[in-house]
Amino acid sequence: MGAGYPGAGNAEASWTEDPGHGNAEAPWTEGPGHGNAEAPWTEGPGHGNAEAPWTESPTAAPDAEYADGAYADGAYGDAEHGDADHGPAAPAACVITVDGSYAARLARHGDSWFPERWTLDGPEPYAVPLPGRQPEEPGTEVHPMGDGRVLIRRFADGRHNFALLYPTGPETGELPLGAVECPDRATLLRLLPPAPGGEKAYALAVGRRSSAVWLVAGGAFGPEHLAEIPGRCSGGVWLDGTGRMLALDREVGGRTKTIVVDLERGGEVSPLLQIADGSDDRLLLADPDSGLLLISSDAPSPGRARLGWGVLGSTLPVRFPECLRVPDCGVTPFAIQPGQVLMPESCGVALRVDGPTGSWVGVWRPAARQLEHLPAPEGWLTGAGLWTGQGELLLPYATEGMPCGVVRWAAAGAPSGESGDRGHPGPGETGVGGAGPEDPDGGVGSASEPGPPEPVALRPVPLQQAPLGNLVTK
């Protein structure tokens, strides 16, 4: 890697590769390393590993449908959280289920796009191509389900058509689910991030004056309209482990505030982020186990968004660490370490850092109060990754020679081992698994408490009218 970004020249920041394999013997069966040069296409090109430009992502050929309007701030919220004005970060190059078992992306060969499913919970990662009868359009969305099928959204003739894809020997099986029609051409529809459990999938349709939440997979009779919300919404973050509480960033009267939509109570709306009357407040990520929230707001510096953190269910104000401001860079969180019940300050947070020389990875946790910079692996599917409960960060990558791979990183700065060493990191390897120092302002329980209680669904408490004088921390 070049030395054009922090940490690039650090000998301790070497990635441990966890690659899949390009196996020529079983191109379509569900086994490790399937991505073969002999795999047949149906009315489409072949996809040999040695020839395909696997490092490209769907964002390389933007779809005009998402060029502006409600999605101009990126698929998961505003990404301008550093000191640079590089514009919003592009959506992640692949989508991963909440439990980390599967991922899906739209892969490219030449000028043709096709869905691809990654299996991540086995001894080593492997990819299964899911090409249809013809190549997909570049704006097509794919979404992994918990059972290994891949939801696809195709747009044609004013209709958003949904189907589930799955491998069937040498071909791709397809189960149509129905369509959502948007009579108003100004309405933009996209899939929301994967829901907990992986059994259902949702979409957000943003119109001129209102936004609608749809259940598009997992229902009884095709797409189901769940809620109509006044105002134009963006973002989309799940606040609980059941897929009931959905946070959206709603724009009303020129200001953006995060609200919570209760999908089991007819789309009942309640406020979540109201830091100041004149601020734009967005929720970027949330972890149901610890209650940690990652927030974007211009409350501490009007006109420029800052990255901050708070705790779901807490009445304490949001804090905006100074270490999350990277000069001349945009900083966007994309993964939070799960399993840290009642210990939000101990959660590892992975951030995408976009600078003039490219993108790399930042690792941070509230207790550490410093941002560690790590070089991204070659071919990183930018913006994609997940944490294990033991404190390992997994980043998927795809290159011409390695079309399906995952690197694993222990947050303390030492590589955590190959794919077969998935168990328990050794002492000092993670740096994020234990509790940090107790902070009376952080809402953290004592690390010595025996037997943490079972997590419960916290009712969101609006974070609002917080004094800003002491919110900027080192």
Protein backbone atom coordinates (compact mmCIF):
# COMPACT_ATOMS: atom_id res chain seq x y z
CA MET A 1 0.00 0.00 0.00
CA GLY A 2 1.11 3.54 -0.57
CA ALA A 3 1.92 5.94 2.19
CA GLY A 4 -0.62 8.57 1.25
CA TYR A 5 -2.77 8.06 4.33
CA PRO A 6 -2.27 7.56 8.05
CA GLY A 7 -1.02 4.16 9.07
CA ALA A 8 -0.07 3.05 5.58
CA GLY A 9 3.57 2.64 6.44
CA ASN A 10 3.04 0.91 9.76
CA ALA A 11 4.55 -2.56 9.87
CA GLU A 12 2.02 -3.60 12.49
CA ALA A 13 -0.88 -2.87 10.17
CA SER A 14 -0.45 -5.94 7.98
CA TRP A 15 -3.63 -7.78 7.09
CA THR A 16 -4.13 -11.47 7.63
CA GLU A 17 -5.83 -12.87 4.57
CA ASP A 18 -8.72 -15.29 4.79
CA PRO A 19 -9.23 -16.06 1.11
CA GLY A 20 -11.69 -18.18 -0.74
CA HIS A 21 -10.52 -20.19 -3.72
CA GLY A 22 -11.21 -20.24 -7.44
CA ASN A 23 -12.10 -23.89 -7.85
CA ALA A 24 -12.53 -25.28 -11.34
CA GLU A 25 -14.25 -28.51 -10.32
CA ALA A 26 -17.63 -27.44 -9.00
CA PRO A 27 -18.58 -24.01 -10.35
CA TRP A 28 -22.18 -23.94 -9.22
CA THR A 29 -22.43 -26.18 -6.17
CA GLU A 30 -22.46 -24.56 -2.76
CA GLY A 31 -18.93 -25.22 -1.62
CA PRO A 32 -15.89 -23.15 -0.76
CA GLY A 33 -14.30 -21.12 -3.46
CA HIS A 34 -16.72 -21.35 -6.33
CA GLY A 35 -16.07 -18.75 -8.92
CA ASN A 36 -14.87 -20.68 -11.90
CA ALA A 37 -13.77 -19.79 -15.37
CA GLU A 38 -15.83 -22.64 -16.83
CA ALA A 39 -19.08 -21.70 -15.16
CA PRO A 40 -21.77 -21.28 -17.82
CA TRP A 41 -23.89 -18.17 -18.22
CA THR A 42 -27.41 -18.11 -19.55
CA GLU A 43 -27.45 -15.56 -22.37
CA GLY A 44 -24.51 -13.75 -20.85
CA PRO A 45 -20.72 -13.80 -20.81
CA GLY A 46 -18.57 -16.26 -18.93
CA HIS A 47 -16.94 -15.13 -15.72
CA GLY A 48 -13.44 -16.51 -15.52
CA ASN A 49 -11.61 -15.52 -12.38
CA ALA A 50 -8.46 -14.62 -14.23
CA GLU A 51 -10.23 -12.27 -16.63
CA ALA A 52 -12.98 -10.64 -14.64
CA PRO A 53 -12.37 -7.19 -13.12
CA TRP A 54 -13.63 -8.29 -9.71
CA THR A 55 -12.51 -5.16 -7.91
CA GLU A 56 -15.24 -3.08 -9.48
CA SER A 57 -18.51 -2.42 -7.74
CA PRO A 58 -21.96 -1.30 -8.92
CA THR A 59 -21.14 2.23 -7.86
CA ALA A 60 -18.71 2.45 -10.77
CA ALA A 61 -21.69 2.79 -13.10
CA PRO A 62 -24.19 4.97 -11.24
CA ASP A 63 -27.86 4.64 -11.94
CA ALA A 64 -29.62 7.88 -12.79
CA GLU A 65 -32.50 6.79 -10.58
CA TYR A 66 -30.34 7.48 -7.50
CA ALA A 67 -28.44 10.47 -8.78
CA ASP A 68 -30.23 13.07 -6.72
CA GLY A 69 -33.25 13.72 -4.57
CA ALA A 70 -33.65 11.82 -1.34
CA TYR A 71 -30.52 9.76 -1.91
CA ALA A 72 -28.10 12.56 -2.61
CA ASP A 73 -26.79 12.13 0.92
CA GLY A 74 -25.92 8.47 0.43
CA ALA A 75 -27.88 5.31 1.06
CA TYR A 76 -27.29 5.24 4.79
CA GLY A 77 -27.12 8.88 5.69
CA ASP A 78 -24.83 11.88 5.48
CA ALA A 79 -21.17 10.95 5.23
CA GLU A 80 -19.49 14.35 5.63
CA HIS A 81 -18.20 13.92 9.18
CA GLY A 82 -14.55 14.90 8.87
CA ASP A 83 -12.89 18.14 7.88
CA ALA A 84 -13.18 17.56 4.13
CA ASP A 85 -16.00 18.43 1.78
CA HIS A 86 -15.65 15.44 -0.52
CA GLY A 87 -19.40 14.89 -0.75
CA PRO A 88 -21.25 11.86 0.59
CA ALA A 89 -19.66 8.43 0.64
CA ALA A 90 -20.97 5.96 -1.91
CA PRO A 91 -23.05 3.03 -0.63
CA ALA A 92 -21.12 -0.04 0.48
CA ALA A 93 -20.00 -2.31 -2.35
CA CYS A 94 -21.76 -5.30 -0.76
CA VAL A 95 -24.49 -5.90 1.80
CA ILE A 96 -24.02 -8.24 4.79
CA THR A 97 -26.68 -9.88 6.95
CA VAL A 98 -26.91 -8.79 10.58
CA ASP A 99 -25.47 -12.09 11.84
CA GLY A 100 -22.65 -12.05 9.28
CA SER A 101 -23.59 -15.35 7.65
CA TYR A 102 -24.15 -14.09 4.10
CA ALA A 103 -23.37 -11.15 1.88
CA ALA A 104 -24.55 -10.13 -1.57
CA ARG A 105 -23.24 -7.80 -4.20
CA LEU A 106 -23.70 -6.93 -7.84
CA ALA A 107 -20.50 -8.13 -9.50
CA ARG A 108 -19.27 -7.04 -12.88
CA HIS A 109 -17.71 -8.78 -15.83
CA GLY A 110 -16.90 -6.46 -18.71
CA ASP A 111 -20.03 -4.41 -19.27
CA SER A 112 -22.34 -6.97 -17.64
CA TRP A 113 -23.59 -7.11 -14.06
CA PHE A 114 -24.79 -10.17 -12.16
CA PRO A 115 -25.74 -10.94 -8.53
CA GLU A 116 -23.29 -12.82 -6.37
CA ARG A 117 -23.82 -14.39 -2.94
CA TRP A 118 -21.00 -14.76 -0.45
CA THR A 119 -21.07 -17.30 2.38
CA LEU A 120 -19.10 -15.96 5.35
CA ASP A 121 -19.87 -18.27 8.28
CA GLY A 122 -18.00 -21.37 7.12
CA PRO A 123 -14.32 -22.35 7.52
CA GLU A 124 -13.51 -20.02 4.62
CA PRO A 125 -15.56 -17.59 2.53
CA TYR A 126 -16.82 -18.56 -0.90
CA ALA A 127 -18.93 -16.93 -3.60
CA VAL A 128 -21.77 -18.34 -5.69
CA PRO A 129 -22.65 -16.41 -8.88
CA LEU A 130 -26.38 -16.02 -9.49
CA PRO A 131 -26.68 -14.82 -13.09
CA GLY A 132 -30.09 -14.51 -14.66
CA ARG A 133 -31.20 -14.97 -18.25
CA GLN A 134 -29.73 -11.59 -19.09
CA PRO A 135 -27.28 -9.19 -17.41
CA GLU A 136 -28.65 -6.88 -14.74
CA GLU A 137 -28.88 -3.12 -14.95
CA PRO A 138 -26.20 -1.28 -12.94
CA GLY A 139 -28.74 0.24 -10.54
CA THR A 140 -30.19 -3.13 -9.53
CA GLU A 141 -30.13 -3.77 -5.77
CA VAL A 142 -29.32 -7.09 -4.11
CA HIS A 143 -29.91 -8.01 -0.49
CA PRO A 144 -28.87 -11.20 1.35
CA MET A 145 -31.50 -13.11 3.31
CA GLY A 146 -30.85 -15.19 6.41
CA ASP A 147 -31.50 -18.50 4.62
CA GLY A 148 -28.93 -17.86 1.89
CA ARG A 149 -31.26 -16.64 -0.81
CA VAL A 150 -30.68 -13.23 -2.37
CA LEU A 151 -33.41 -10.65 -2.78
CA ILE A 152 -33.15 -8.61 -5.97
CA ARG A 153 -34.91 -5.38 -6.89
CA ARG A 154 -35.22 -4.58 -10.58
CA PHE A 155 -36.79 -1.39 -11.91
CA ALA A 156 -38.67 -1.40 -15.21
CA ASP A 157 -41.63 0.55 -16.63
CA GLY A 158 -42.30 2.39 -13.38
CA ARG A 159 -42.44 -0.82 -11.32
CA HIS A 160 -40.00 -2.14 -8.75
CA ASN A 161 -40.00 -5.92 -9.19
CA PHE A 162 -38.78 -8.16 -6.38
CA ALA A 163 -37.61 -11.77 -6.54
CA LEU A 164 -35.58 -14.24 -4.50
CA LEU A 165 -32.59 -15.85 -6.21
CA TYR A 166 -30.98 -19.15 -5.24
CA PRO A 167 -28.55 -21.62 -6.87
CA THR A 168 -30.04 -24.68 -8.57
CA GLY A 169 -27.12 -26.66 -9.95
CA PRO A 170 -25.87 -25.02 -13.16
CA GLU A 171 -28.62 -22.38 -13.20
CA THR A 172 -30.17 -19.73 -10.98
CA GLY A 173 -33.60 -20.31 -9.47
CA GLU A 174 -35.88 -17.31 -9.17
CA LEU A 175 -39.01 -16.89 -7.03
CA PRO A 176 -41.00 -13.77 -8.00
CA LEU A 177 -42.43 -11.87 -5.03
CA GLY A 178 -44.43 -9.16 -6.74
CA ALA A 179 -43.89 -5.50 -7.45
CA VAL A 180 -44.35 -2.02 -6.00
CA GLU A 181 -45.62 0.54 -8.48
CA CYS A 182 -44.83 4.22 -7.99
CA PRO A 183 -47.17 6.31 -10.17
CA ASP A 184 -45.28 9.49 -9.34
CA ARG A 185 -41.99 9.38 -11.25
CA ALA A 186 -40.45 11.58 -8.55
CA THR A 187 -40.82 8.76 -6.00
CA LEU A 188 -37.56 6.98 -5.27
CA LEU A 189 -37.53 3.48 -3.77
CA ARG A 190 -34.58 1.58 -2.31
CA LEU A 191 -34.00 -1.38 -0.04
CA LEU A 192 -33.37 -0.74 3.64
CA PRO A 193 -30.42 -2.36 5.44
CA PRO A 194 -30.87 -6.03 6.39
CA ALA A 195 -33.26 -6.54 9.29
CA PRO A 196 -32.42 -8.62 12.37
CA GLY A 197 -33.27 -12.29 11.90
CA GLY A 198 -32.85 -12.21 8.14
CA GLU A 199 -36.36 -13.50 7.45
CA LYS A 200 -37.82 -10.23 6.18
CA ALA A 201 -36.67 -7.39 3.96
CA TYR A 202 -37.97 -3.85 3.75
CA ALA A 203 -37.90 -0.95 1.33
CA LEU A 204 -38.33 2.80 1.68
CA ALA A 205 -40.22 4.78 -0.98
CA VAL A 206 -39.66 8.54 -0.79
CA GLY A 207 -42.22 10.75 -2.48
CA ARG A 208 -42.61 14.49 -2.80
CA ARG A 209 -44.26 15.01 0.61
CA SER A 210 -44.24 11.63 2.35
CA SER A 211 -42.31 8.38 2.66
CA ALA A 212 -43.59 4.82 2.77
CA VAL A 213 -42.13 1.70 4.39
CA TRP A 214 -42.80 -1.54 2.52
CA LEU A 215 -42.31 -5.16 3.54
CA VAL A 216 -41.03 -6.66 0.28
CA ALA A 217 -39.89 -10.14 1.38
CA GLY A 218 -41.12 -12.39 4.17
CA GLY A 219 -44.76 -11.37 4.03
CA ALA A 220 -47.74 -13.59 3.30
CA PHE A 221 -48.96 -12.06 0.02
CA GLY A 222 -46.18 -10.21 -1.73
CA PRO A 223 -45.11 -6.61 -1.00
CA GLU A 224 -47.06 -5.09 1.88
CA HIS A 225 -47.43 -1.40 2.67
CA LEU A 226 -46.64 -0.94 6.37
CA ALA A 227 -46.44 2.78 7.09
CA GLU A 228 -46.86 6.21 5.52
CA ILE A 229 -44.75 8.93 7.11
CA PRO A 230 -45.15 12.66 6.44
CA GLY A 231 -41.96 14.20 5.13
CA ARG A 232 -39.04 12.96 3.04
CA CYS A 233 -37.00 10.27 4.80
CA SER A 234 -33.52 8.87 4.28
CA GLY A 235 -31.18 6.62 6.24
CA GLY A 236 -32.54 3.52 7.93
CA VAL A 237 -31.19 1.94 11.12
CA TRP A 238 -32.65 -0.92 13.17
CA LEU A 239 -32.78 -0.18 16.89
CA ASP A 240 -33.78 -3.58 18.28
CA GLY A 241 -33.10 -7.24 17.66
CA THR A 242 -36.57 -8.07 16.36
CA GLY A 243 -36.96 -5.72 13.40
CA ARG A 244 -39.73 -3.70 15.01
CA MET A 245 -38.14 -0.28 15.68
CA LEU A 246 -36.81 1.46 12.57
CA ALA A 247 -35.01 4.80 12.75
CA LEU A 248 -35.27 7.14 9.76
CA ASP A 249 -33.90 10.60 9.11
CA ARG A 250 -36.84 12.84 8.20
CA GLU A 251 -36.57 16.22 6.52
CA VAL A 252 -39.31 18.66 7.47
CA GLY A 253 -39.15 22.43 7.09
CA GLY A 254 -35.57 22.37 5.82
CA ARG A 255 -34.22 20.50 8.87
CA THR A 256 -33.44 16.81 9.28
CA LYS A 257 -34.20 14.97 12.52
CA THR A 258 -34.16 11.25 13.28
CA ILE A 259 -37.48 9.63 14.13
CA VAL A 260 -38.44 6.10 15.17
CA VAL A 261 -41.11 4.14 13.30
CA ASP A 262 -42.79 1.32 15.24
CA LEU A 263 -43.69 -1.24 12.59
CA GLU A 264 -45.86 -3.26 14.96
CA ARG A 265 -48.06 -0.30 15.83
CA GLY A 266 -49.10 0.80 12.37
CA GLY A 267 -46.05 2.95 11.75
CA GLU A 268 -46.37 5.04 14.90
CA VAL A 269 -43.74 7.79 14.84
CA SER A 270 -41.80 9.20 17.79
CA PRO A 271 -38.75 11.52 17.91
CA LEU A 272 -35.24 10.24 18.59
CA LEU A 273 -32.67 12.94 17.72
CA GLN A 274 -33.45 16.58 18.41
CA ILE A 275 -30.11 17.94 19.58
CA ALA A 276 -30.87 21.59 18.79
CA ASP A 277 -33.79 23.34 17.12
CA GLY A 278 -31.73 24.48 14.14
CA SER A 279 -29.44 21.47 13.71
CA ASP A 280 -29.52 18.63 11.20
CA ASP A 281 -29.33 15.39 13.19
CA ARG A 282 -28.98 11.95 11.60
CA LEU A 283 -28.54 8.46 13.00
CA LEU A 284 -25.87 6.50 11.15
CA LEU A 285 -25.52 3.24 13.11
CA ALA A 286 -26.93 1.59 16.23
CA ASP A 287 -26.10 -1.52 18.23
CA PRO A 288 -29.10 -3.07 20.04
CA ASP A 289 -26.91 -4.98 22.53
CA SER A 290 -25.07 -2.03 24.02
CA GLY A 291 -27.36 0.78 22.90
CA LEU A 292 -24.46 2.62 21.25
CA LEU A 293 -25.57 5.17 18.65
CA LEU A 294 -23.36 6.82 16.01
CA ILE A 295 -24.75 10.21 15.07
CA SER A 296 -24.10 12.96 12.55
CA SER A 297 -25.04 16.50 13.60
CA ASP A 298 -24.00 20.06 12.92
CA ALA A 299 -25.15 21.17 16.37
CA PRO A 300 -21.60 21.73 17.74
CA SER A 301 -20.43 23.47 14.54
CA PRO A 302 -23.37 24.93 12.53
CA GLY A 303 -23.14 24.20 8.84
CA ARG A 304 -20.63 21.35 9.18
CA ALA A 305 -21.64 17.88 10.29
CA ARG A 306 -19.70 16.26 13.14
CA LEU A 307 -19.60 12.62 14.12
CA GLY A 308 -20.84 11.94 17.64
CA TRP A 309 -22.09 9.14 19.85
CA GLY A 310 -24.81 8.56 22.41
CA VAL A 311 -26.60 5.73 24.14
CA LEU A 312 -30.12 4.52 23.33
CA GLY A 313 -32.40 4.95 26.32
CA SER A 314 -30.03 7.40 28.03
CA THR A 315 -30.84 11.00 28.87
CA LEU A 316 -27.18 12.02 28.68
CA PRO A 317 -26.17 14.36 25.85
CA VAL A 318 -24.48 13.29 22.65
CA ARG A 319 -20.70 13.62 22.66
CA PHE A 320 -18.59 14.66 19.65
CA PRO A 321 -15.01 13.33 20.01
CA GLU A 322 -12.35 15.51 18.50
CA CYS A 323 -10.40 12.40 17.42
CA LEU A 324 -13.13 11.58 14.87
CA ARG A 325 -12.31 14.72 12.91
CA VAL A 326 -9.69 13.69 10.35
CA PRO A 327 -8.15 16.61 8.41
CA ASP A 328 -9.14 16.72 4.74
CA CYS A 329 -11.11 13.47 5.03
CA GLY A 330 -14.68 12.24 5.30
CA VAL A 331 -15.37 9.71 8.06
CA THR A 332 -18.33 7.31 7.91
CA PRO A 333 -19.02 4.51 10.44
CA PHE A 334 -20.07 1.18 8.94
CA ALA A 335 -19.92 -1.48 11.69
CA ILE A 336 -20.25 -1.73 15.50
CA GLN A 337 -19.03 -4.64 17.60
CA PRO A 338 -22.04 -6.60 18.94
CA GLY A 339 -22.48 -8.42 22.22
CA GLN A 340 -21.26 -5.70 24.60
CA VAL A 341 -24.41 -5.64 26.74
CA LEU A 342 -24.59 -2.51 28.92
CA MET A 343 -21.05 -1.54 27.85
CA PRO A 344 -21.34 0.95 24.97
CA GLU A 345 -17.91 2.44 25.63
CA SER A 346 -16.29 -0.96 25.01
CA CYS A 347 -17.73 -1.40 21.53
CA GLY A 348 -15.34 -1.36 18.60
CA VAL A 349 -16.48 0.88 15.77
CA ALA A 350 -15.20 0.54 12.20
CA LEU A 351 -15.14 3.66 10.05
CA ARG A 352 -14.54 4.29 6.40
CA VAL A 353 -12.12 7.18 5.89
CA ASP A 354 -12.20 8.86 2.47
CA GLY A 355 -9.30 11.15 1.69
CA PRO A 356 -7.65 12.74 -1.35
CA THR A 357 -5.54 9.59 -1.93
CA GLY A 358 -8.28 6.99 -1.47
CA SER A 359 -10.16 5.16 1.25
CA TRP A 360 -8.92 3.25 4.29
CA VAL A 361 -10.25 1.92 7.60
CA GLY A 362 -10.43 3.58 10.99
CA VAL A 363 -11.05 1.71 14.25
CA TRP A 364 -12.33 3.52 17.34
CA ARG A 365 -14.16 2.88 20.58
CA PRO A 366 -15.47 5.50 23.00
CA ALA A 367 -13.31 4.33 25.91
CA ALA A 368 -10.07 4.61 23.90
CA ARG A 369 -10.67 8.18 22.75
CA GLN A 370 -8.35 7.78 19.80
CA LEU A 371 -8.77 6.68 16.18
CA GLU A 372 -6.52 3.93 14.84
CA HIS A 373 -5.85 4.04 11.09
CA LEU A 374 -5.50 0.77 9.18
CA PRO A 375 -4.70 0.28 5.49
CA ALA A 376 -7.58 -1.22 3.56
CA PRO A 377 -6.86 -4.58 1.93
CA GLU A 378 -6.39 -4.54 -1.81
CA GLY A 379 -9.77 -4.91 -3.50
CA TRP A 380 -11.72 -4.03 -0.35
CA LEU A 381 -15.45 -3.87 -1.06
CA THR A 382 -15.39 -0.33 0.23
CA GLY A 383 -17.62 0.44 3.17
CA ALA A 384 -18.44 -3.22 3.87
CA GLY A 385 -17.44 -5.19 6.96
CA LEU A 386 -18.59 -6.56 10.28
CA TRP A 387 -17.37 -7.21 13.81
CA THR A 388 -17.43 -10.48 15.66
CA GLY A 389 -18.46 -10.54 19.30
CA GLN A 390 -14.85 -11.37 20.20
CA GLY A 391 -13.61 -8.10 18.73
CA GLU A 392 -12.35 -9.12 15.29
CA LEU A 393 -13.10 -6.90 12.32
CA LEU A 394 -13.85 -8.76 9.07
CA LEU A 395 -13.45 -6.94 5.76
CA PRO A 396 -14.46 -8.57 2.44
CA TYR A 397 -12.31 -8.02 -0.62
CA ALA A 398 -12.25 -9.14 -4.23
CA THR A 399 -9.37 -8.93 -6.69
CA GLU A 400 -8.66 -10.43 -10.08
CA GLY A 401 -6.63 -13.21 -8.53
CA MET A 402 -8.80 -13.67 -5.42
CA PRO A 403 -12.47 -13.08 -6.27
CA CYS A 404 -13.73 -13.88 -2.77
CA GLY A 405 -11.72 -13.19 0.36
CA VAL A 406 -12.01 -11.80 3.88
CA VAL A 407 -9.29 -10.25 6.01
CA ARG A 408 -9.56 -10.39 9.79
CA TRP A 409 -8.18 -7.73 12.08
CA ALA A 410 -7.88 -7.55 15.85
CA ALA A 411 -8.45 -3.98 16.95
CA ALA A 412 -5.40 -3.81 19.20
CA GLY A 413 -3.27 -3.78 16.06
CA ALA A 414 -2.16 -7.42 15.72
CA PRO A 415 -3.49 -9.75 13.02
CA SER A 416 -5.78 -12.37 14.50
CA GLY A 417 -4.98 -15.36 12.28
CA GLU A 418 -6.23 -17.30 9.28
CA SER A 419 -9.79 -18.40 8.62
CA GLY A 420 -9.30 -21.63 10.54
CA ASP A 421 -8.37 -19.67 13.67
CA ARG A 422 -11.78 -18.20 14.23
CA GLY A 423 -11.99 -19.10 17.89
CA HIS A 424 -10.84 -17.07 20.79
CA PRO A 425 -8.17 -14.41 20.27
CA GLY A 426 -5.20 -14.60 22.59
CA PRO A 427 -4.60 -12.16 25.39
CA GLY A 428 -4.11 -8.63 24.18
CA GLU A 429 -5.13 -9.39 20.59
CA THR A 430 -8.42 -7.58 20.39
CA GLY A 431 -8.26 -4.55 22.61
CA VAL A 432 -12.02 -4.17 22.31
CA GLY A 433 -13.49 -7.21 24.05
CA GLY A 434 -13.15 -5.94 27.62
CA ALA A 435 -14.75 -2.99 29.28
CA GLY A 436 -13.00 0.34 29.23
CA PRO A 437 -12.55 2.53 32.28
CA GLU A 438 -15.83 3.35 33.93
CA ASP A 439 -17.07 6.78 32.89
CA PRO A 440 -19.77 8.33 35.05
CA ASP A 441 -20.95 10.27 32.01
CA GLY A 442 -20.96 7.31 29.66
CA GLY A 443 -23.79 5.19 30.99
CA VAL A 444 -21.52 2.15 31.31
CA GLY A 445 -22.21 -0.55 33.87
CA SER A 446 -19.40 -1.97 35.95
CA ALA A 447 -17.32 -4.57 34.14
CA SER A 448 -17.36 -6.77 37.23
CA GLU A 449 -21.13 -7.20 37.34
CA PRO A 450 -21.89 -10.94 37.22
CA GLY A 451 -24.34 -12.31 34.69
CA PRO A 452 -25.51 -9.36 32.54
CA PRO A 453 -29.28 -9.38 32.12
CA GLU A 454 -30.92 -10.40 28.89
CA PRO A 455 -31.11 -7.46 26.44
CA VAL A 456 -34.49 -5.79 26.32
CA ALA A 457 -36.06 -3.55 23.70
CA LEU A 458 -35.32 -0.04 24.91
CA ARG A 459 -37.92 2.57 24.18
CA PRO A 460 -36.10 5.42 22.42
CA VAL A 461 -35.58 8.51 24.55
CA PRO A 462 -35.28 11.70 22.48
CA LEU A 463 -31.82 13.20 22.69
CA GLN A 464 -32.66 16.89 22.58
CA GLN A 465 -31.95 20.32 23.97
CA ALA A 466 -28.56 19.16 25.19
CA PRO A 467 -26.13 21.88 26.28
CA LEU A 468 -23.30 22.00 23.77
CA GLY A 469 -20.61 23.64 25.87
CA ASN A 470 -18.95 20.41 27.02
CA LEU A 471 -19.84 18.06 24.18
CA VAL A 472 -16.64 18.31 22.15
CA THR A 473 -14.22 15.85 23.77
CA LYS A 474 -10.70 14.74 22.98
